[in-house]
Amino acid sequence: MKPSATLVEKLNNPAIGGSRKALLAGTGNNVYGVLYNTSATSTDPSYVIRIAELYLIRAEARAQQNKLADALADLNTVRSRADVAAATTSTKEALLLAIEEENNVEFAFEAHRWFDLVRTGRTGAVLGLTNSQYWVFPFPYQDVLSDPDLEQNPGY
């Protein structure tokens, strides 16, 4: 998997990526992700859910409930494990953005980003994709045909 230049910069920055720099290999224009690159030896781990994901889910839920100190503690648990300095944000909005960014870096190469941005309604702001009809996938045609109560997502 070829990471974007922005992601490479974040992972190589010790203040953001911490020990997660190990997710990258290569140099120059040949940088690639190494999270799932051992398929030839059949030793790829199959992650269903990681403890970092549980902490970040709870951090976001706590932030939404205005339990900012608890949310910050959960966020900093993940950051501490990655050898990144503790976050010190004090507003709900800033904390939610810090959690979003931590998700981006922590789950690089794990296909979380798109779903996080759609769920939080930030796809337009972050990726510039402002037509929300493109934020959802279509239902399979066979499913629409077989269920008269199912309406296809707009735009498909």
N, C-alpha and C. Protein backbone atom coordinates (compact mmCIF):
# COMPACT_ATOMS: atom_id res chain seq x y z
N MET A 1 0.84 -1.18 0.00
CA MET A 1 0.00 0.00 0.00
C MET A 1 0.88 1.24 0.00
N LYS A 2 0.59 2.15 -0.89
CA LYS A 2 1.37 3.38 -0.99
C LYS A 2 0.66 4.47 -0.20
N PRO A 3 1.29 4.95 0.86
CA PRO A 3 0.68 6.01 1.66
C PRO A 3 0.83 7.37 0.99
N SER A 4 -0.05 8.29 1.34
CA SER A 4 0.05 9.65 0.82
C SER A 4 1.27 10.33 1.45
N ALA A 5 1.74 11.37 0.80
CA ALA A 5 2.88 12.12 1.33
C ALA A 5 2.54 12.72 2.69
N THR A 6 1.29 13.12 2.88
CA THR A 6 0.86 13.68 4.16
C THR A 6 0.96 12.64 5.27
N LEU A 7 0.51 11.42 4.99
CA LEU A 7 0.59 10.36 6.00
C LEU A 7 2.03 10.00 6.30
N VAL A 8 2.88 9.93 5.30
CA VAL A 8 4.30 9.64 5.52
C VAL A 8 4.90 10.70 6.42
N GLU A 9 4.57 11.96 6.16
CA GLU A 9 5.09 13.06 6.98
C GLU A 9 4.62 12.92 8.43
N LYS A 10 3.35 12.59 8.62
CA LYS A 10 2.82 12.43 9.98
C LYS A 10 3.48 11.28 10.71
N LEU A 11 3.61 10.14 10.04
CA LEU A 11 4.21 8.98 10.69
C LEU A 11 5.69 9.19 10.99
N ASN A 12 6.39 9.96 10.17
CA ASN A 12 7.81 10.23 10.40
C ASN A 12 8.05 11.34 11.42
N ASN A 13 7.02 12.09 11.76
CA ASN A 13 7.14 13.16 12.76
C ASN A 13 7.01 12.53 14.14
N PRO A 14 8.06 12.55 14.97
CA PRO A 14 8.00 11.90 16.28
C PRO A 14 6.89 12.46 17.18
N ALA A 15 6.52 13.72 16.99
CA ALA A 15 5.48 14.32 17.81
C ALA A 15 4.09 13.82 17.44
N ILE A 16 3.93 13.26 16.25
CA ILE A 16 2.63 12.76 15.80
C ILE A 16 2.64 11.24 15.67
N GLY A 17 3.64 10.72 14.99
CA GLY A 17 3.70 9.28 14.72
C GLY A 17 4.32 8.46 15.82
N GLY A 18 5.22 9.07 16.58
CA GLY A 18 5.89 8.32 17.64
C GLY A 18 6.52 7.05 17.11
N SER A 19 6.26 5.93 17.78
CA SER A 19 6.83 4.64 17.37
C SER A 19 6.13 4.04 16.16
N ARG A 20 5.06 4.68 15.68
CA ARG A 20 4.33 4.15 14.53
C ARG A 20 5.07 4.37 13.21
N LYS A 21 6.24 4.99 13.27
CA LYS A 21 7.09 5.12 12.08
C LYS A 21 7.43 3.75 11.52
N ALA A 22 7.37 2.73 12.36
CA ALA A 22 7.67 1.36 11.94
C ALA A 22 6.66 0.82 10.94
N LEU A 23 5.55 1.52 10.74
CA LEU A 23 4.56 1.11 9.74
C LEU A 23 5.03 1.37 8.32
N LEU A 24 6.13 2.13 8.17
CA LEU A 24 6.64 2.51 6.86
C LEU A 24 7.95 1.82 6.54
N ALA A 25 8.16 1.58 5.26
CA ALA A 25 9.45 1.07 4.77
C ALA A 25 9.73 1.75 3.45
N GLY A 26 10.96 1.67 3.00
CA GLY A 26 11.36 2.28 1.74
C GLY A 26 11.86 3.69 1.94
N THR A 27 12.29 4.30 0.83
CA THR A 27 12.81 5.66 0.87
C THR A 27 12.34 6.43 -0.35
N GLY A 28 12.45 7.75 -0.27
CA GLY A 28 12.11 8.62 -1.39
C GLY A 28 10.69 8.40 -1.88
N ASN A 29 10.54 8.18 -3.19
CA ASN A 29 9.22 7.94 -3.78
C ASN A 29 8.78 6.50 -3.65
N ASN A 30 9.57 5.67 -3.02
CA ASN A 30 9.25 4.25 -2.88
C ASN A 30 8.91 3.88 -1.44
N VAL A 31 8.21 4.75 -0.74
CA VAL A 31 7.78 4.46 0.61
C VAL A 31 6.47 3.66 0.54
N TYR A 32 6.37 2.63 1.36
CA TYR A 32 5.17 1.80 1.36
C TYR A 32 4.84 1.37 2.79
N GLY A 33 3.61 0.96 2.99
CA GLY A 33 3.17 0.49 4.29
C GLY A 33 3.52 -0.96 4.50
N VAL A 34 3.92 -1.32 5.71
CA VAL A 34 4.33 -2.69 5.99
C VAL A 34 3.46 -3.38 7.03
N LEU A 35 2.26 -2.87 7.25
CA LEU A 35 1.40 -3.49 8.25
C LEU A 35 0.98 -4.88 7.82
N TYR A 36 0.61 -5.03 6.55
CA TYR A 36 0.11 -6.32 6.07
C TYR A 36 0.95 -6.79 4.88
N ASN A 37 2.24 -6.88 5.02
CA ASN A 37 3.08 -7.24 3.88
C ASN A 37 3.74 -8.60 4.02
N THR A 38 3.22 -9.46 4.86
CA THR A 38 3.85 -10.76 5.05
C THR A 38 2.99 -11.89 4.48
N SER A 39 2.10 -11.56 3.54
CA SER A 39 1.19 -12.58 3.01
C SER A 39 1.93 -13.72 2.33
N ALA A 40 3.11 -13.47 1.78
CA ALA A 40 3.87 -14.53 1.11
C ALA A 40 4.29 -15.62 2.09
N THR A 41 4.44 -15.24 3.36
CA THR A 41 4.84 -16.23 4.37
C THR A 41 3.65 -16.74 5.17
N SER A 42 2.45 -16.26 4.84
CA SER A 42 1.22 -16.67 5.52
C SER A 42 1.24 -16.39 7.02
N THR A 43 1.89 -15.29 7.39
CA THR A 43 1.93 -14.94 8.81
C THR A 43 1.19 -13.65 9.11
N ASP A 44 0.38 -13.17 8.17
CA ASP A 44 -0.37 -11.94 8.42
C ASP A 44 -1.34 -12.13 9.58
N PRO A 45 -1.31 -11.21 10.53
CA PRO A 45 -2.29 -11.29 11.60
C PRO A 45 -3.65 -10.84 11.09
N SER A 46 -4.69 -11.36 11.68
CA SER A 46 -6.04 -10.94 11.32
C SER A 46 -6.63 -10.20 12.51
N TYR A 47 -6.63 -8.88 12.41
CA TYR A 47 -7.13 -8.07 13.51
C TYR A 47 -8.64 -7.90 13.37
N VAL A 48 -9.37 -8.26 14.38
CA VAL A 48 -10.80 -8.02 14.39
C VAL A 48 -11.04 -6.66 15.01
N ILE A 49 -10.44 -6.43 16.14
CA ILE A 49 -10.51 -5.13 16.80
C ILE A 49 -9.26 -5.00 17.68
N ARG A 50 -8.75 -3.79 17.77
CA ARG A 50 -7.56 -3.57 18.58
C ARG A 50 -7.92 -2.74 19.81
N ILE A 51 -7.18 -2.89 20.86
CA ILE A 51 -7.46 -2.16 22.10
C ILE A 51 -7.40 -0.65 21.87
N ALA A 52 -6.52 -0.20 20.98
CA ALA A 52 -6.44 1.23 20.67
C ALA A 52 -7.76 1.71 20.09
N GLU A 53 -8.39 0.88 19.27
CA GLU A 53 -9.68 1.26 18.70
C GLU A 53 -10.73 1.41 19.79
N LEU A 54 -10.72 0.52 20.75
CA LEU A 54 -11.69 0.61 21.85
C LEU A 54 -11.49 1.89 22.66
N TYR A 55 -10.23 2.22 22.94
CA TYR A 55 -9.95 3.46 23.67
C TYR A 55 -10.42 4.69 22.88
N LEU A 56 -10.17 4.70 21.58
CA LEU A 56 -10.55 5.87 20.78
C LEU A 56 -12.06 5.96 20.57
N ILE A 57 -12.74 4.84 20.47
CA ILE A 57 -14.21 4.86 20.40
C ILE A 57 -14.76 5.44 21.69
N ARG A 58 -14.24 4.97 22.81
CA ARG A 58 -14.72 5.48 24.10
C ARG A 58 -14.35 6.95 24.29
N ALA A 59 -13.17 7.33 23.84
CA ALA A 59 -12.76 8.74 23.95
C ALA A 59 -13.74 9.63 23.18
N GLU A 60 -14.10 9.23 21.97
CA GLU A 60 -15.04 10.03 21.19
C GLU A 60 -16.41 10.08 21.85
N ALA A 61 -16.88 8.95 22.36
CA ALA A 61 -18.18 8.92 23.04
C ALA A 61 -18.15 9.82 24.27
N ARG A 62 -17.09 9.75 25.03
CA ARG A 62 -16.98 10.59 26.24
C ARG A 62 -16.90 12.07 25.87
N ALA A 63 -16.19 12.39 24.81
CA ALA A 63 -16.11 13.79 24.38
C ALA A 63 -17.50 14.28 23.97
N GLN A 64 -18.25 13.46 23.26
CA GLN A 64 -19.61 13.85 22.86
C GLN A 64 -20.51 14.06 24.07
N GLN A 65 -20.23 13.37 25.16
CA GLN A 65 -21.00 13.52 26.41
C GLN A 65 -20.44 14.63 27.30
N ASN A 66 -19.46 15.37 26.79
CA ASN A 66 -18.79 16.44 27.53
C ASN A 66 -18.03 15.94 28.76
N LYS A 67 -17.61 14.71 28.73
CA LYS A 67 -16.73 14.15 29.77
C LYS A 67 -15.30 14.29 29.26
N LEU A 68 -14.86 15.54 29.16
CA LEU A 68 -13.61 15.84 28.46
C LEU A 68 -12.38 15.25 29.14
N ALA A 69 -12.34 15.27 30.46
CA ALA A 69 -11.17 14.73 31.16
C ALA A 69 -11.03 13.24 30.91
N ASP A 70 -12.15 12.52 30.95
CA ASP A 70 -12.11 11.08 30.69
C ASP A 70 -11.74 10.79 29.24
N ALA A 71 -12.29 11.58 28.32
CA ALA A 71 -11.98 11.41 26.90
C ALA A 71 -10.50 11.66 26.65
N LEU A 72 -9.97 12.70 27.25
CA LEU A 72 -8.55 13.01 27.09
C LEU A 72 -7.67 11.90 27.66
N ALA A 73 -8.09 11.32 28.77
CA ALA A 73 -7.33 10.21 29.36
C ALA A 73 -7.28 9.02 28.41
N ASP A 74 -8.42 8.71 27.77
CA ASP A 74 -8.44 7.59 26.81
C ASP A 74 -7.55 7.89 25.61
N LEU A 75 -7.64 9.10 25.09
CA LEU A 75 -6.80 9.50 23.96
C LEU A 75 -5.32 9.37 24.33
N ASN A 76 -4.97 9.85 25.50
CA ASN A 76 -3.57 9.84 25.91
C ASN A 76 -3.05 8.44 26.23
N THR A 77 -3.93 7.51 26.54
CA THR A 77 -3.52 6.12 26.71
C THR A 77 -2.97 5.58 25.40
N VAL A 78 -3.66 5.88 24.31
CA VAL A 78 -3.21 5.42 22.99
C VAL A 78 -1.92 6.15 22.60
N ARG A 79 -1.88 7.45 22.84
CA ARG A 79 -0.70 8.23 22.48
C ARG A 79 0.53 7.77 23.28
N SER A 80 0.33 7.44 24.55
CA SER A 80 1.43 6.99 25.40
C SER A 80 2.00 5.67 24.88
N ARG A 81 1.15 4.74 24.48
CA ARG A 81 1.61 3.46 23.94
C ARG A 81 2.42 3.66 22.67
N ALA A 82 2.11 4.70 21.91
CA ALA A 82 2.83 4.99 20.66
C ALA A 82 4.03 5.91 20.88
N ASP A 83 4.38 6.19 22.13
CA ASP A 83 5.50 7.07 22.46
C ASP A 83 5.32 8.48 21.93
N VAL A 84 4.10 9.00 22.03
CA VAL A 84 3.78 10.36 21.62
C VAL A 84 3.39 11.14 22.86
N ALA A 85 3.79 12.40 22.92
CA ALA A 85 3.47 13.23 24.08
C ALA A 85 1.96 13.35 24.27
N ALA A 86 1.55 13.52 25.49
CA ALA A 86 0.13 13.62 25.83
C ALA A 86 -0.49 14.86 25.18
N ALA A 87 -1.72 14.71 24.75
CA ALA A 87 -2.49 15.84 24.22
C ALA A 87 -2.98 16.66 25.40
N THR A 88 -3.14 17.97 25.20
CA THR A 88 -3.56 18.85 26.30
C THR A 88 -4.73 19.73 25.91
N THR A 89 -5.48 19.36 24.91
CA THR A 89 -6.58 20.18 24.44
C THR A 89 -7.66 20.33 25.50
N SER A 90 -8.39 21.44 25.47
CA SER A 90 -9.36 21.69 26.54
C SER A 90 -10.79 21.89 26.05
N THR A 91 -11.01 22.04 24.75
CA THR A 91 -12.37 22.22 24.27
C THR A 91 -12.88 20.94 23.61
N LYS A 92 -14.17 20.78 23.59
CA LYS A 92 -14.78 19.59 23.00
C LYS A 92 -14.41 19.48 21.53
N GLU A 93 -14.52 20.57 20.78
CA GLU A 93 -14.23 20.55 19.35
C GLU A 93 -12.78 20.18 19.08
N ALA A 94 -11.87 20.76 19.83
CA ALA A 94 -10.45 20.47 19.64
C ALA A 94 -10.14 19.02 20.03
N LEU A 95 -10.80 18.53 21.06
CA LEU A 95 -10.59 17.15 21.48
C LEU A 95 -11.11 16.17 20.43
N LEU A 96 -12.27 16.45 19.86
CA LEU A 96 -12.81 15.58 18.81
C LEU A 96 -11.89 15.56 17.59
N LEU A 97 -11.31 16.71 17.24
CA LEU A 97 -10.35 16.76 16.13
C LEU A 97 -9.07 15.98 16.47
N ALA A 98 -8.64 16.07 17.72
CA ALA A 98 -7.44 15.33 18.14
C ALA A 98 -7.70 13.82 18.08
N ILE A 99 -8.88 13.40 18.46
CA ILE A 99 -9.25 11.98 18.38
C ILE A 99 -9.31 11.54 16.92
N GLU A 100 -9.89 12.38 16.07
CA GLU A 100 -9.95 12.08 14.63
C GLU A 100 -8.55 11.91 14.06
N GLU A 101 -7.66 12.81 14.42
CA GLU A 101 -6.29 12.74 13.90
C GLU A 101 -5.56 11.52 14.43
N GLU A 102 -5.81 11.18 15.69
CA GLU A 102 -5.18 9.98 16.26
C GLU A 102 -5.67 8.72 15.55
N ASN A 103 -6.96 8.68 15.24
CA ASN A 103 -7.50 7.57 14.45
C ASN A 103 -6.81 7.48 13.10
N ASN A 104 -6.57 8.63 12.48
CA ASN A 104 -5.92 8.67 11.16
C ASN A 104 -4.53 8.05 11.22
N VAL A 105 -3.77 8.39 12.24
CA VAL A 105 -2.40 7.91 12.34
C VAL A 105 -2.36 6.48 12.90
N GLU A 106 -3.14 6.22 13.92
CA GLU A 106 -3.12 4.90 14.56
C GLU A 106 -3.57 3.79 13.62
N PHE A 107 -4.54 4.08 12.78
CA PHE A 107 -5.10 3.06 11.91
C PHE A 107 -4.70 3.25 10.45
N ALA A 108 -3.53 3.80 10.24
CA ALA A 108 -3.01 3.91 8.87
C ALA A 108 -2.97 2.51 8.27
N PHE A 109 -3.40 2.38 7.04
CA PHE A 109 -3.42 1.11 6.30
C PHE A 109 -4.50 0.14 6.78
N GLU A 110 -5.46 0.61 7.58
CA GLU A 110 -6.51 -0.27 8.07
C GLU A 110 -7.91 0.15 7.63
N ALA A 111 -8.02 1.08 6.70
CA ALA A 111 -9.30 1.48 6.09
C ALA A 111 -10.33 1.99 7.08
N HIS A 112 -9.90 2.72 8.09
CA HIS A 112 -10.83 3.34 9.03
C HIS A 112 -11.21 4.75 8.62
N ARG A 113 -10.30 5.46 8.01
CA ARG A 113 -10.44 6.91 7.79
C ARG A 113 -11.73 7.29 7.09
N TRP A 114 -12.02 6.65 5.96
CA TRP A 114 -13.22 7.01 5.20
C TRP A 114 -14.46 6.89 6.07
N PHE A 115 -14.62 5.80 6.76
CA PHE A 115 -15.82 5.57 7.56
C PHE A 115 -15.91 6.53 8.74
N ASP A 116 -14.77 6.88 9.32
CA ASP A 116 -14.77 7.88 10.39
C ASP A 116 -15.22 9.24 9.87
N LEU A 117 -14.71 9.63 8.71
CA LEU A 117 -15.08 10.93 8.14
C LEU A 117 -16.55 10.98 7.74
N VAL A 118 -17.06 9.91 7.18
CA VAL A 118 -18.48 9.86 6.81
C VAL A 118 -19.34 9.91 8.07
N ARG A 119 -18.99 9.11 9.06
CA ARG A 119 -19.77 9.04 10.30
C ARG A 119 -19.86 10.40 11.00
N THR A 120 -18.76 11.14 10.97
CA THR A 120 -18.73 12.43 11.66
C THR A 120 -19.14 13.59 10.77
N GLY A 121 -19.43 13.31 9.49
CA GLY A 121 -19.85 14.36 8.57
C GLY A 121 -18.72 15.29 8.14
N ARG A 122 -17.47 14.84 8.26
CA ARG A 122 -16.32 15.69 7.94
C ARG A 122 -15.67 15.36 6.60
N THR A 123 -16.33 14.52 5.79
CA THR A 123 -15.75 14.12 4.51
C THR A 123 -15.53 15.34 3.62
N GLY A 124 -16.49 16.24 3.58
CA GLY A 124 -16.36 17.44 2.76
C GLY A 124 -15.22 18.33 3.22
N ALA A 125 -15.13 18.55 4.52
CA ALA A 125 -14.10 19.44 5.06
C ALA A 125 -12.69 18.88 4.89
N VAL A 126 -12.54 17.57 5.05
CA VAL A 126 -11.21 16.96 5.03
C VAL A 126 -10.78 16.59 3.61
N LEU A 127 -11.69 15.99 2.85
CA LEU A 127 -11.33 15.49 1.52
C LEU A 127 -11.84 16.35 0.37
N GLY A 128 -12.69 17.32 0.69
CA GLY A 128 -13.24 18.18 -0.36
C GLY A 128 -14.37 17.53 -1.13
N LEU A 129 -14.86 16.39 -0.68
CA LEU A 129 -15.96 15.70 -1.35
C LEU A 129 -17.26 16.19 -0.72
N THR A 130 -17.83 17.24 -1.30
CA THR A 130 -18.96 17.92 -0.67
C THR A 130 -20.32 17.33 -1.04
N ASN A 131 -20.40 16.53 -2.10
CA ASN A 131 -21.67 15.91 -2.46
C ASN A 131 -21.88 14.70 -1.56
N SER A 132 -22.75 14.84 -0.57
CA SER A 132 -22.94 13.77 0.42
C SER A 132 -23.54 12.51 -0.17
N GLN A 133 -24.07 12.57 -1.38
CA GLN A 133 -24.58 11.35 -2.01
C GLN A 133 -23.45 10.37 -2.30
N TYR A 134 -22.25 10.88 -2.43
CA TYR A 134 -21.10 10.00 -2.68
C TYR A 134 -20.49 9.45 -1.40
N TRP A 135 -21.03 9.81 -0.26
CA TRP A 135 -20.49 9.35 1.00
C TRP A 135 -20.96 7.95 1.36
N VAL A 136 -22.00 7.48 0.71
CA VAL A 136 -22.55 6.15 1.01
C VAL A 136 -22.44 5.26 -0.21
N PHE A 137 -22.42 3.97 0.04
CA PHE A 137 -22.35 3.00 -1.04
C PHE A 137 -23.77 2.66 -1.51
N PRO A 138 -23.90 2.18 -2.73
CA PRO A 138 -25.22 1.74 -3.18
C PRO A 138 -25.56 0.37 -2.59
N PHE A 139 -26.86 0.11 -2.44
CA PHE A 139 -27.29 -1.24 -2.09
C PHE A 139 -27.15 -2.10 -3.35
N PRO A 140 -26.81 -3.35 -3.20
CA PRO A 140 -26.75 -4.22 -4.38
C PRO A 140 -28.11 -4.26 -5.08
N TYR A 141 -28.06 -4.23 -6.40
CA TYR A 141 -29.28 -4.18 -7.21
C TYR A 141 -30.23 -5.33 -6.87
N GLN A 142 -29.70 -6.52 -6.66
CA GLN A 142 -30.52 -7.68 -6.34
C GLN A 142 -31.29 -7.45 -5.03
N ASP A 143 -30.67 -6.80 -4.05
CA ASP A 143 -31.34 -6.52 -2.78
C ASP A 143 -32.48 -5.54 -2.96
N VAL A 144 -32.28 -4.54 -3.80
CA VAL A 144 -33.33 -3.55 -4.06
C VAL A 144 -34.51 -4.23 -4.76
N LEU A 145 -34.22 -5.12 -5.69
CA LEU A 145 -35.28 -5.83 -6.40
C LEU A 145 -36.07 -6.77 -5.50
N SER A 146 -35.38 -7.41 -4.56
CA SER A 146 -36.03 -8.43 -3.73
C SER A 146 -36.76 -7.87 -2.53
N ASP A 147 -36.54 -6.62 -2.18
CA ASP A 147 -37.21 -6.03 -1.01
C ASP A 147 -37.93 -4.75 -1.42
N PRO A 148 -39.27 -4.79 -1.50
CA PRO A 148 -40.01 -3.61 -1.95
C PRO A 148 -39.92 -2.42 -0.99
N ASP A 149 -39.52 -2.67 0.26
CA ASP A 149 -39.41 -1.58 1.23
C ASP A 149 -38.03 -0.92 1.22
N LEU A 150 -37.10 -1.49 0.51
CA LEU A 150 -35.74 -0.96 0.47
C LEU A 150 -35.63 0.08 -0.63
N GLU A 151 -35.20 1.27 -0.25
CA GLU A 151 -34.98 2.33 -1.23
C GLU A 151 -33.48 2.49 -1.46
N GLN A 152 -33.12 2.57 -2.72
CA GLN A 152 -31.71 2.76 -3.06
C GLN A 152 -31.20 4.09 -2.48
N ASN A 153 -29.94 4.11 -2.06
CA ASN A 153 -29.33 5.35 -1.59
C ASN A 153 -29.38 6.41 -2.70
N PRO A 154 -29.59 7.66 -2.35
CA PRO A 154 -29.65 8.72 -3.35
C PRO A 154 -28.37 8.78 -4.19
N GLY A 155 -28.54 9.05 -5.47
CA GLY A 155 -27.40 9.19 -6.37
C GLY A 155 -27.04 7.92 -7.12
N TYR A 156 -27.70 6.82 -6.81
CA TYR A 156 -27.38 5.55 -7.48
C TYR A 156 -28.59 5.05 -8.24
